Amino acid sequence: MNSWLTISQADPRPLYTQVIDQVKRRVSTGDLPPGSELPSIRQLAADLKISVITIKRAYLELERDGVIQTRQGKGSYVAENPGLASELLERELLDQLASAASLGQLLGKSKREMIRLISNSFDQTSREES
């Protein structure tokens, strides 16, 4: 089960953030459908050769975000929320747009310029997909 997670010491993000992001990505793409069982905290920590505390923190944040549910004595599972995948993709889109807006402001771009850039990027992506 852990082959879908890759932890990189070269990644500047904290290890628990890498775990969170990868679990969310797998849920949003349908690789981990609602109800899928996740490895135990201890098992995943051993498999990835990282601290139990790191995995516990990741699982707690995933639970707080409504991505997983932990059942005492039974383990952790992807939340039984049919709209979860779409919700996670929407959150990711909003985060990416906020980052793009911040970068645009640093570059001195106006709102109108940013809208034009996003529109052009959207059009280009649409052409590439067809």
N, C-alpha and C. Protein backbone atom coordinates (compact mmCIF):
# COMPACT_ATOMS: atom_id res chain seq x y z
N MET A 1 0.82 -1.21 0.00
CA MET A 1 0.00 0.00 0.00
C MET A 1 0.86 1.26 0.00
N ASN A 2 2.07 1.19 0.57
CA ASN A 2 2.88 2.41 0.69
C ASN A 2 3.57 2.80 -0.61
N SER A 3 3.51 1.98 -1.65
CA SER A 3 4.19 2.30 -2.90
C SER A 3 3.64 3.58 -3.53
N TRP A 4 2.47 4.00 -3.13
CA TRP A 4 1.89 5.22 -3.67
C TRP A 4 2.38 6.47 -2.96
N LEU A 5 3.21 6.30 -1.94
CA LEU A 5 3.79 7.44 -1.23
C LEU A 5 5.29 7.48 -1.46
N THR A 6 5.77 8.67 -1.76
CA THR A 6 7.21 8.85 -1.94
C THR A 6 7.64 10.03 -1.08
N ILE A 7 8.53 9.76 -0.17
CA ILE A 7 9.05 10.79 0.71
C ILE A 7 10.44 11.17 0.22
N SER A 8 10.67 12.47 0.10
CA SER A 8 11.96 12.94 -0.38
C SER A 8 12.60 13.87 0.64
N GLN A 9 13.81 13.53 1.03
CA GLN A 9 14.55 14.40 1.95
C GLN A 9 14.97 15.68 1.24
N ALA A 10 15.02 15.66 -0.10
CA ALA A 10 15.41 16.84 -0.88
C ALA A 10 14.26 17.84 -1.02
N ASP A 11 13.04 17.37 -0.77
CA ASP A 11 11.87 18.24 -0.84
C ASP A 11 11.91 19.19 0.35
N PRO A 12 11.78 20.50 0.12
CA PRO A 12 11.87 21.44 1.24
C PRO A 12 10.66 21.39 2.19
N ARG A 13 9.58 20.77 1.76
CA ARG A 13 8.39 20.69 2.62
C ARG A 13 8.62 19.68 3.74
N PRO A 14 8.01 19.92 4.90
CA PRO A 14 8.12 18.93 5.98
C PRO A 14 7.58 17.57 5.53
N LEU A 15 8.09 16.51 6.12
CA LEU A 15 7.69 15.16 5.73
C LEU A 15 6.19 14.94 5.90
N TYR A 16 5.62 15.44 7.00
CA TYR A 16 4.19 15.23 7.21
C TYR A 16 3.37 15.92 6.12
N THR A 17 3.84 17.06 5.63
CA THR A 17 3.15 17.77 4.55
C THR A 17 3.21 16.97 3.25
N GLN A 18 4.34 16.32 3.01
CA GLN A 18 4.45 15.46 1.83
C GLN A 18 3.44 14.33 1.89
N VAL A 19 3.29 13.73 3.07
CA VAL A 19 2.31 12.65 3.24
C VAL A 19 0.90 13.18 3.00
N ILE A 20 0.57 14.29 3.62
CA ILE A 20 -0.77 14.89 3.47
C ILE A 20 -1.07 15.16 2.00
N ASP A 21 -0.14 15.83 1.32
CA ASP A 21 -0.36 16.20 -0.08
C ASP A 21 -0.55 14.98 -0.97
N GLN A 22 0.22 13.94 -0.71
CA GLN A 22 0.11 12.75 -1.55
C GLN A 22 -1.18 11.98 -1.29
N VAL A 23 -1.59 11.91 -0.04
CA VAL A 23 -2.86 11.23 0.26
C VAL A 23 -4.01 12.02 -0.38
N LYS A 24 -4.00 13.34 -0.24
CA LYS A 24 -5.05 14.16 -0.84
C LYS A 24 -5.07 13.99 -2.36
N ARG A 25 -3.90 13.94 -2.98
CA ARG A 25 -3.83 13.77 -4.43
C ARG A 25 -4.42 12.43 -4.83
N ARG A 26 -4.09 11.37 -4.09
CA ARG A 26 -4.61 10.03 -4.40
C ARG A 26 -6.13 9.97 -4.22
N VAL A 27 -6.64 10.67 -3.22
CA VAL A 27 -8.09 10.71 -3.02
C VAL A 27 -8.74 11.50 -4.15
N SER A 28 -8.16 12.64 -4.51
CA SER A 28 -8.78 13.49 -5.53
C SER A 28 -8.77 12.86 -6.91
N THR A 29 -7.81 11.98 -7.19
CA THR A 29 -7.75 11.32 -8.49
C THR A 29 -8.52 10.00 -8.51
N GLY A 30 -9.04 9.59 -7.36
CA GLY A 30 -9.80 8.35 -7.29
C GLY A 30 -8.96 7.12 -7.01
N ASP A 31 -7.64 7.29 -6.85
CA ASP A 31 -6.78 6.14 -6.52
C ASP A 31 -7.13 5.57 -5.15
N LEU A 32 -7.62 6.44 -4.27
CA LEU A 32 -8.09 6.02 -2.94
C LEU A 32 -9.56 6.42 -2.82
N PRO A 33 -10.47 5.54 -3.22
CA PRO A 33 -11.89 5.89 -3.15
C PRO A 33 -12.40 5.92 -1.71
N PRO A 34 -13.57 6.53 -1.50
CA PRO A 34 -14.16 6.56 -0.16
C PRO A 34 -14.22 5.16 0.45
N GLY A 35 -13.84 5.08 1.71
CA GLY A 35 -13.87 3.81 2.42
C GLY A 35 -12.59 3.01 2.34
N SER A 36 -11.63 3.45 1.51
CA SER A 36 -10.35 2.72 1.39
C SER A 36 -9.61 2.76 2.72
N GLU A 37 -9.09 1.62 3.10
CA GLU A 37 -8.33 1.54 4.35
C GLU A 37 -6.91 2.02 4.11
N LEU A 38 -6.41 2.82 5.04
CA LEU A 38 -5.02 3.29 4.99
C LEU A 38 -4.17 2.42 5.91
N PRO A 39 -2.87 2.37 5.65
CA PRO A 39 -2.01 1.62 6.57
C PRO A 39 -2.06 2.23 7.98
N SER A 40 -1.78 1.43 8.97
CA SER A 40 -1.72 1.96 10.33
C SER A 40 -0.58 2.98 10.40
N ILE A 41 -0.67 3.83 11.39
CA ILE A 41 0.37 4.85 11.58
C ILE A 41 1.73 4.18 11.74
N ARG A 42 1.79 3.17 12.57
CA ARG A 42 3.07 2.48 12.81
C ARG A 42 3.59 1.79 11.55
N GLN A 43 2.69 1.14 10.82
CA GLN A 43 3.11 0.43 9.61
C GLN A 43 3.64 1.40 8.56
N LEU A 44 2.92 2.50 8.33
CA LEU A 44 3.36 3.47 7.32
C LEU A 44 4.67 4.12 7.72
N ALA A 45 4.82 4.43 8.99
CA ALA A 45 6.08 5.01 9.47
C ALA A 45 7.24 4.04 9.24
N ALA A 46 7.02 2.76 9.54
CA ALA A 46 8.07 1.75 9.33
C ALA A 46 8.38 1.60 7.84
N ASP A 47 7.34 1.54 7.01
CA ASP A 47 7.54 1.37 5.57
C ASP A 47 8.32 2.54 4.96
N LEU A 48 8.02 3.75 5.43
CA LEU A 48 8.67 4.94 4.87
C LEU A 48 9.95 5.31 5.62
N LYS A 49 10.22 4.58 6.70
CA LYS A 49 11.40 4.84 7.53
C LYS A 49 11.43 6.28 8.05
N ILE A 50 10.27 6.68 8.56
CA ILE A 50 10.17 8.00 9.20
C ILE A 50 9.44 7.84 10.53
N SER A 51 9.43 8.88 11.31
CA SER A 51 8.88 8.85 12.66
C SER A 51 7.38 8.58 12.70
N VAL A 52 6.96 7.81 13.71
CA VAL A 52 5.55 7.58 13.96
C VAL A 52 4.85 8.92 14.21
N ILE A 53 5.52 9.82 14.89
CA ILE A 53 4.96 11.14 15.19
C ILE A 53 4.65 11.89 13.90
N THR A 54 5.51 11.75 12.90
CA THR A 54 5.31 12.43 11.61
C THR A 54 4.04 11.93 10.94
N ILE A 55 3.86 10.61 10.91
CA ILE A 55 2.66 10.03 10.29
C ILE A 55 1.43 10.37 11.11
N LYS A 56 1.56 10.33 12.43
CA LYS A 56 0.42 10.66 13.29
C LYS A 56 -0.04 12.09 13.03
N ARG A 57 0.92 13.00 12.89
CA ARG A 57 0.56 14.40 12.61
C ARG A 57 -0.14 14.51 11.26
N ALA A 58 0.37 13.81 10.25
CA ALA A 58 -0.27 13.83 8.93
C ALA A 58 -1.70 13.29 9.01
N TYR A 59 -1.88 12.16 9.68
CA TYR A 59 -3.21 11.57 9.79
C TYR A 59 -4.16 12.49 10.56
N LEU A 60 -3.67 13.12 11.63
CA LEU A 60 -4.52 14.03 12.40
C LEU A 60 -4.97 15.20 11.54
N GLU A 61 -4.06 15.75 10.73
CA GLU A 61 -4.44 16.87 9.86
C GLU A 61 -5.39 16.42 8.76
N LEU A 62 -5.16 15.23 8.22
CA LEU A 62 -6.07 14.71 7.19
C LEU A 62 -7.46 14.48 7.78
N GLU A 63 -7.50 14.03 9.02
CA GLU A 63 -8.79 13.84 9.69
C GLU A 63 -9.47 15.18 9.95
N ARG A 64 -8.69 16.14 10.41
CA ARG A 64 -9.23 17.49 10.67
C ARG A 64 -9.80 18.11 9.40
N ASP A 65 -9.15 17.83 8.25
CA ASP A 65 -9.60 18.36 6.96
C ASP A 65 -10.74 17.55 6.35
N GLY A 66 -11.15 16.48 7.03
CA GLY A 66 -12.26 15.68 6.54
C GLY A 66 -11.90 14.71 5.43
N VAL A 67 -10.60 14.45 5.26
CA VAL A 67 -10.15 13.56 4.19
C VAL A 67 -10.20 12.11 4.65
N ILE A 68 -9.84 11.87 5.91
CA ILE A 68 -9.88 10.50 6.44
C ILE A 68 -10.68 10.49 7.73
N GLN A 69 -11.06 9.28 8.11
CA GLN A 69 -11.73 9.05 9.39
C GLN A 69 -10.99 7.94 10.10
N THR A 70 -10.78 8.11 11.39
CA THR A 70 -10.13 7.07 12.18
C THR A 70 -11.17 6.47 13.11
N ARG A 71 -11.25 5.16 13.06
CA ARG A 71 -12.18 4.42 13.93
C ARG A 71 -11.36 3.70 14.97
N GLN A 72 -11.58 4.06 16.22
CA GLN A 72 -10.82 3.50 17.33
C GLN A 72 -10.75 1.98 17.23
N GLY A 73 -9.53 1.45 17.19
CA GLY A 73 -9.32 0.02 17.14
C GLY A 73 -9.53 -0.62 15.77
N LYS A 74 -9.95 0.16 14.78
CA LYS A 74 -10.22 -0.39 13.45
C LYS A 74 -9.35 0.20 12.36
N GLY A 75 -8.73 1.35 12.63
CA GLY A 75 -7.83 1.94 11.65
C GLY A 75 -8.36 3.22 11.03
N SER A 76 -7.66 3.66 9.99
CA SER A 76 -8.00 4.90 9.30
C SER A 76 -8.45 4.59 7.88
N TYR A 77 -9.47 5.31 7.46
CA TYR A 77 -10.11 5.09 6.16
C TYR A 77 -10.34 6.42 5.46
N VAL A 78 -10.39 6.40 4.13
CA VAL A 78 -10.78 7.59 3.38
C VAL A 78 -12.23 7.89 3.74
N ALA A 79 -12.51 9.15 4.01
CA ALA A 79 -13.86 9.56 4.43
C ALA A 79 -14.91 9.16 3.40
N GLU A 80 -16.07 8.77 3.91
CA GLU A 80 -17.20 8.37 3.07
C GLU A 80 -17.97 9.61 2.64
N ASN A 81 -17.33 10.44 1.85
CA ASN A 81 -17.93 11.67 1.37
C ASN A 81 -17.87 11.65 -0.16
N PRO A 82 -19.01 11.44 -0.83
CA PRO A 82 -19.00 11.30 -2.29
C PRO A 82 -18.42 12.51 -3.02
N GLY A 83 -18.51 13.70 -2.46
CA GLY A 83 -17.99 14.90 -3.12
C GLY A 83 -16.57 15.25 -2.73
N LEU A 84 -15.91 14.38 -1.97
CA LEU A 84 -14.59 14.69 -1.43
C LEU A 84 -13.55 14.94 -2.52
N ALA A 85 -13.51 14.10 -3.55
CA ALA A 85 -12.51 14.26 -4.61
C ALA A 85 -12.64 15.62 -5.27
N SER A 86 -13.85 16.01 -5.62
CA SER A 86 -14.08 17.32 -6.25
C SER A 86 -13.71 18.46 -5.31
N GLU A 87 -14.05 18.29 -4.05
CA GLU A 87 -13.74 19.32 -3.05
C GLU A 87 -12.23 19.51 -2.92
N LEU A 88 -11.49 18.41 -2.91
CA LEU A 88 -10.03 18.51 -2.79
C LEU A 88 -9.42 19.18 -4.03
N LEU A 89 -9.93 18.85 -5.20
CA LEU A 89 -9.43 19.48 -6.42
C LEU A 89 -9.75 20.98 -6.42
N GLU A 90 -10.93 21.34 -5.95
CA GLU A 90 -11.33 22.74 -5.87
C GLU A 90 -10.41 23.51 -4.91
N ARG A 91 -10.11 22.89 -3.75
CA ARG A 91 -9.20 23.53 -2.78
C ARG A 91 -7.82 23.74 -3.41
N GLU A 92 -7.35 22.71 -4.13
CA GLU A 92 -6.03 22.81 -4.78
C GLU A 92 -6.03 23.92 -5.83
N LEU A 93 -7.11 24.01 -6.60
CA LEU A 93 -7.22 25.08 -7.60
C LEU A 93 -7.16 26.44 -6.94
N LEU A 94 -7.92 26.62 -5.87
CA LEU A 94 -7.92 27.91 -5.18
C LEU A 94 -6.55 28.25 -4.60
N ASP A 95 -5.86 27.25 -4.07
CA ASP A 95 -4.51 27.47 -3.55
C ASP A 95 -3.56 27.90 -4.67
N GLN A 96 -3.66 27.23 -5.81
CA GLN A 96 -2.80 27.56 -6.95
C GLN A 96 -3.11 28.96 -7.48
N LEU A 97 -4.38 29.31 -7.53
CA LEU A 97 -4.75 30.64 -7.99
C LEU A 97 -4.25 31.73 -7.03
N ALA A 98 -4.32 31.45 -5.73
CA ALA A 98 -3.81 32.40 -4.74
C ALA A 98 -2.31 32.59 -4.91
N SER A 99 -1.60 31.50 -5.17
CA SER A 99 -0.15 31.60 -5.40
C SER A 99 0.15 32.39 -6.66
N ALA A 100 -0.63 32.14 -7.71
CA ALA A 100 -0.43 32.87 -8.96
C ALA A 100 -0.72 34.36 -8.77
N ALA A 101 -1.77 34.68 -8.01
CA ALA A 101 -2.10 36.08 -7.76
C ALA A 101 -0.99 36.78 -6.98
N SER A 102 -0.43 36.08 -5.99
CA SER A 102 0.68 36.67 -5.22
C SER A 102 1.89 36.91 -6.10
N LEU A 103 2.21 35.94 -6.93
CA LEU A 103 3.34 36.09 -7.83
C LEU A 103 3.09 37.22 -8.82
N GLY A 104 1.88 37.33 -9.34
CA GLY A 104 1.53 38.42 -10.25
C GLY A 104 1.70 39.77 -9.59
N GLN A 105 1.29 39.87 -8.34
CA GLN A 105 1.46 41.13 -7.61
C GLN A 105 2.93 41.47 -7.43
N LEU A 106 3.75 40.46 -7.14
CA LEU A 106 5.19 40.69 -7.00
C LEU A 106 5.79 41.19 -8.30
N LEU A 107 5.23 40.72 -9.42
CA LEU A 107 5.72 41.14 -10.73
C LEU A 107 5.09 42.46 -11.19
N GLY A 108 4.18 42.99 -10.39
CA GLY A 108 3.55 44.26 -10.73
C GLY A 108 2.44 44.13 -11.76
N LYS A 109 1.88 42.95 -11.90
CA LYS A 109 0.81 42.73 -12.87
C LYS A 109 -0.50 43.28 -12.32
N SER A 110 -1.29 43.86 -13.21
CA SER A 110 -2.61 44.34 -12.81
C SER A 110 -3.59 43.17 -12.80
N LYS A 111 -4.75 43.40 -12.21
CA LYS A 111 -5.79 42.37 -12.19
C LYS A 111 -6.17 42.01 -13.62
N ARG A 112 -6.30 42.98 -14.45
CA ARG A 112 -6.66 42.75 -15.86
C ARG A 112 -5.60 41.90 -16.56
N GLU A 113 -4.32 42.20 -16.30
CA GLU A 113 -3.24 41.41 -16.90
C GLU A 113 -3.28 39.96 -16.40
N MET A 114 -3.55 39.81 -15.12
CA MET A 114 -3.62 38.45 -14.56
C MET A 114 -4.77 37.66 -15.18
N ILE A 115 -5.90 38.31 -15.35
CA ILE A 115 -7.05 37.64 -15.97
C ILE A 115 -6.69 37.23 -17.39
N ARG A 116 -6.01 38.10 -18.13
CA ARG A 116 -5.60 37.78 -19.49
C ARG A 116 -4.63 36.60 -19.51
N LEU A 117 -3.66 36.60 -18.60
CA LEU A 117 -2.69 35.52 -18.54
C LEU A 117 -3.36 34.18 -18.21
N ILE A 118 -4.26 34.19 -17.26
CA ILE A 118 -4.96 32.96 -16.88
C ILE A 118 -5.84 32.49 -18.04
N SER A 119 -6.51 33.42 -18.69
CA SER A 119 -7.35 33.06 -19.83
C SER A 119 -6.52 32.44 -20.95
N ASN A 120 -5.37 33.04 -21.25
CA ASN A 120 -4.49 32.50 -22.29
C ASN A 120 -3.99 31.10 -21.91
N SER A 121 -3.63 30.93 -20.65
CA SER A 121 -3.16 29.64 -20.18
C SER A 121 -4.27 28.59 -20.28
N PHE A 122 -5.47 28.98 -19.91
CA PHE A 122 -6.63 28.08 -20.00
C PHE A 122 -6.86 27.67 -21.45
N ASP A 123 -6.82 28.64 -22.36
CA ASP A 123 -7.03 28.35 -23.79
C ASP A 123 -5.95 27.41 -24.32
N GLN A 124 -4.71 27.66 -23.93
CA GLN A 124 -3.60 26.83 -24.40
C GLN A 124 -3.75 25.39 -23.89
N THR A 125 -4.10 25.25 -22.64
CA THR A 125 -4.30 23.93 -22.06
C THR A 125 -5.45 23.20 -22.76
N SER A 126 -6.52 23.91 -23.06
CA SER A 126 -7.67 23.33 -23.74
C SER A 126 -7.28 22.83 -25.13
N ARG A 127 -6.47 23.61 -25.84
CA ARG A 127 -6.00 23.20 -27.18
C ARG A 127 -5.12 21.96 -27.10
N GLU A 128 -4.26 21.89 -26.09
CA GLU A 128 -3.36 20.76 -25.93
C GLU A 128 -4.10 19.47 -25.62
N GLU A 129 -5.22 19.59 -24.91
CA GLU A 129 -5.99 18.42 -24.52
C GLU A 129 -6.88 17.90 -25.64
N SER A 130 -7.15 18.74 -26.65
CA SER A 130 -8.03 18.26 -27.72
C SER A 130 -7.27 17.76 -28.92
